[in-house]
Amino acid sequence: MSTNEKVWFLRGLLIATAMLGETLTYDQVRRLCRLSDRQVGTMLGKARAGRPAGSPDFCAVVQKSIGSPGKGWGDIKLWIAELKRVHSFWQDRAELDNNEFFVKHGVLPL
């Protein structure tokens, strides 16, 4: 699988996880995407770079360990707020028609 295909697979995994209101650990992402420990952060960065402007950061669904955000989130309160935003955004995307979703969020993701 090419790097680009892995990025798209990872994006789908993160979005599906967000739609379900769940989280993943770095180890789960590593195993599911067949990555090394060092590749996880890089691939999350690549997946994050492709998200639509104005949409929440779906990488928030990935935790270093249960209840502990990954590097770069800083304050745990910031991470929790973004995680809630991500879950709400993607759950709405699964449930609302395009026009309703756009009115509520102002963006329509790919």
Protein backbone atom coordinates (compact mmCIF):
# COMPACT_ATOMS: atom_id res chain seq x y z
CA MET A 1 0.00 0.00 0.00
CA SER A 2 1.40 3.42 -0.95
CA THR A 3 1.82 6.25 1.56
CA ASN A 4 -1.06 8.13 -0.05
CA GLU A 5 -3.33 5.08 0.26
CA LYS A 6 -2.33 4.70 3.92
CA VAL A 7 -3.18 8.36 4.56
CA TRP A 8 -6.63 7.91 3.01
CA PHE A 9 -7.18 4.69 4.97
CA LEU A 10 -6.15 6.48 8.18
CA ARG A 11 -8.47 9.41 7.45
CA GLY A 12 -11.36 6.97 6.97
CA LEU A 13 -10.46 5.18 10.19
CA LEU A 14 -10.36 8.46 12.15
CA ILE A 15 -13.64 9.66 10.67
CA ALA A 16 -15.42 6.35 11.34
CA THR A 17 -14.09 6.38 14.91
CA ALA A 18 -15.34 9.96 15.38
CA MET A 19 -18.78 9.10 13.94
CA LEU A 20 -19.11 6.35 16.52
CA GLY A 21 -18.09 8.69 19.35
CA GLU A 22 -15.05 6.56 20.14
CA THR A 23 -11.29 6.97 20.43
CA LEU A 24 -8.23 4.95 19.41
CA THR A 25 -4.78 4.64 20.94
CA TYR A 26 -1.55 5.16 19.03
CA ASP A 27 -0.92 1.41 19.29
CA GLN A 28 -4.30 0.60 17.74
CA VAL A 29 -3.64 3.01 14.86
CA ARG A 30 -0.17 1.52 14.42
CA ARG A 31 -1.53 -2.02 14.16
CA LEU A 32 -4.56 -1.20 12.00
CA CYS A 33 -2.52 0.87 9.54
CA ARG A 34 0.56 -1.38 9.63
CA LEU A 35 2.87 1.41 10.75
CA SER A 36 5.99 1.53 12.90
CA ASP A 37 5.96 3.50 16.16
CA ARG A 38 7.85 6.33 14.45
CA GLN A 39 5.42 6.51 11.52
CA VAL A 40 2.24 7.08 13.53
CA GLY A 41 2.85 10.77 14.27
CA THR A 42 3.98 11.47 10.72
CA MET A 43 0.93 9.78 9.22
CA LEU A 44 -1.42 11.60 11.61
CA GLY A 45 0.17 14.86 10.46
CA LYS A 46 -0.40 13.93 6.81
CA ALA A 47 -4.02 12.97 7.51
CA ARG A 48 -4.56 16.21 9.43
CA ALA A 49 -3.14 18.30 6.58
CA GLY A 50 -5.81 17.04 4.21
CA ARG A 51 -8.83 17.90 6.30
CA PRO A 52 -11.18 20.64 5.09
CA ALA A 53 -10.63 24.16 6.41
CA GLY A 54 -13.01 24.93 9.25
CA SER A 55 -13.51 21.32 10.26
CA PRO A 56 -12.41 20.07 13.68
CA ASP A 57 -9.17 18.11 14.02
CA PHE A 58 -10.19 14.46 13.71
CA CYS A 59 -6.76 13.44 15.01
CA ALA A 60 -8.16 14.27 18.46
CA VAL A 61 -9.71 10.78 18.49
CA VAL A 62 -6.21 9.31 18.83
CA GLN A 63 -4.81 9.06 22.34
CA LYS A 64 -1.27 8.25 23.42
CA SER A 65 -2.85 6.00 26.04
CA ILE A 66 -6.36 5.81 27.47
CA GLY A 67 -7.34 9.29 28.70
CA SER A 68 -4.05 10.86 27.63
CA PRO A 69 -3.82 12.97 24.46
CA GLY A 70 -0.92 12.70 22.07
CA LYS A 71 1.99 15.09 21.87
CA GLY A 72 1.09 18.58 20.76
CA TRP A 73 -2.26 18.96 22.48
CA GLY A 74 -0.79 20.68 25.51
CA ASP A 75 -3.66 21.33 27.89
CA ILE A 76 -5.90 18.30 28.39
CA LYS A 77 -8.94 20.62 28.54
CA LEU A 78 -8.17 21.81 25.00
CA TRP A 79 -7.95 18.21 23.81
CA ILE A 80 -11.23 17.22 25.49
CA ALA A 81 -13.03 20.21 23.95
CA GLU A 82 -11.70 19.34 20.48
CA LEU A 83 -12.62 15.67 20.95
CA LYS A 84 -16.20 16.68 21.75
CA ARG A 85 -16.25 18.97 18.68
CA VAL A 86 -14.93 16.16 16.47
CA HIS A 87 -17.49 13.65 17.73
CA SER A 88 -20.37 16.12 17.26
CA PHE A 89 -19.20 17.19 13.78
CA TRP A 90 -18.80 13.67 12.39
CA GLN A 91 -21.91 12.28 14.09
CA ASP A 92 -23.88 15.12 12.49
CA ARG A 93 -22.26 14.31 9.13
CA ALA A 94 -23.52 10.75 9.42
CA GLU A 95 -27.04 11.84 10.35
CA LEU A 96 -27.76 15.11 8.51
CA ASP A 97 -28.37 15.76 4.84
CA ASN A 98 -25.84 18.00 3.08
CA ASN A 99 -27.86 21.23 3.34
CA GLU A 100 -28.69 20.73 7.02
CA PHE A 101 -25.09 19.90 7.80
CA PHE A 102 -23.75 22.93 5.90
CA VAL A 103 -26.16 25.27 7.68
CA LYS A 104 -25.07 23.93 11.06
CA HIS A 105 -21.30 23.69 10.45
CA GLY A 106 -20.60 26.02 7.51
CA VAL A 107 -18.42 23.44 5.77
CA LEU A 108 -19.06 20.23 3.88
CA PRO A 109 -16.20 17.74 4.23
CA LEU A 110 -15.05 15.52 1.39
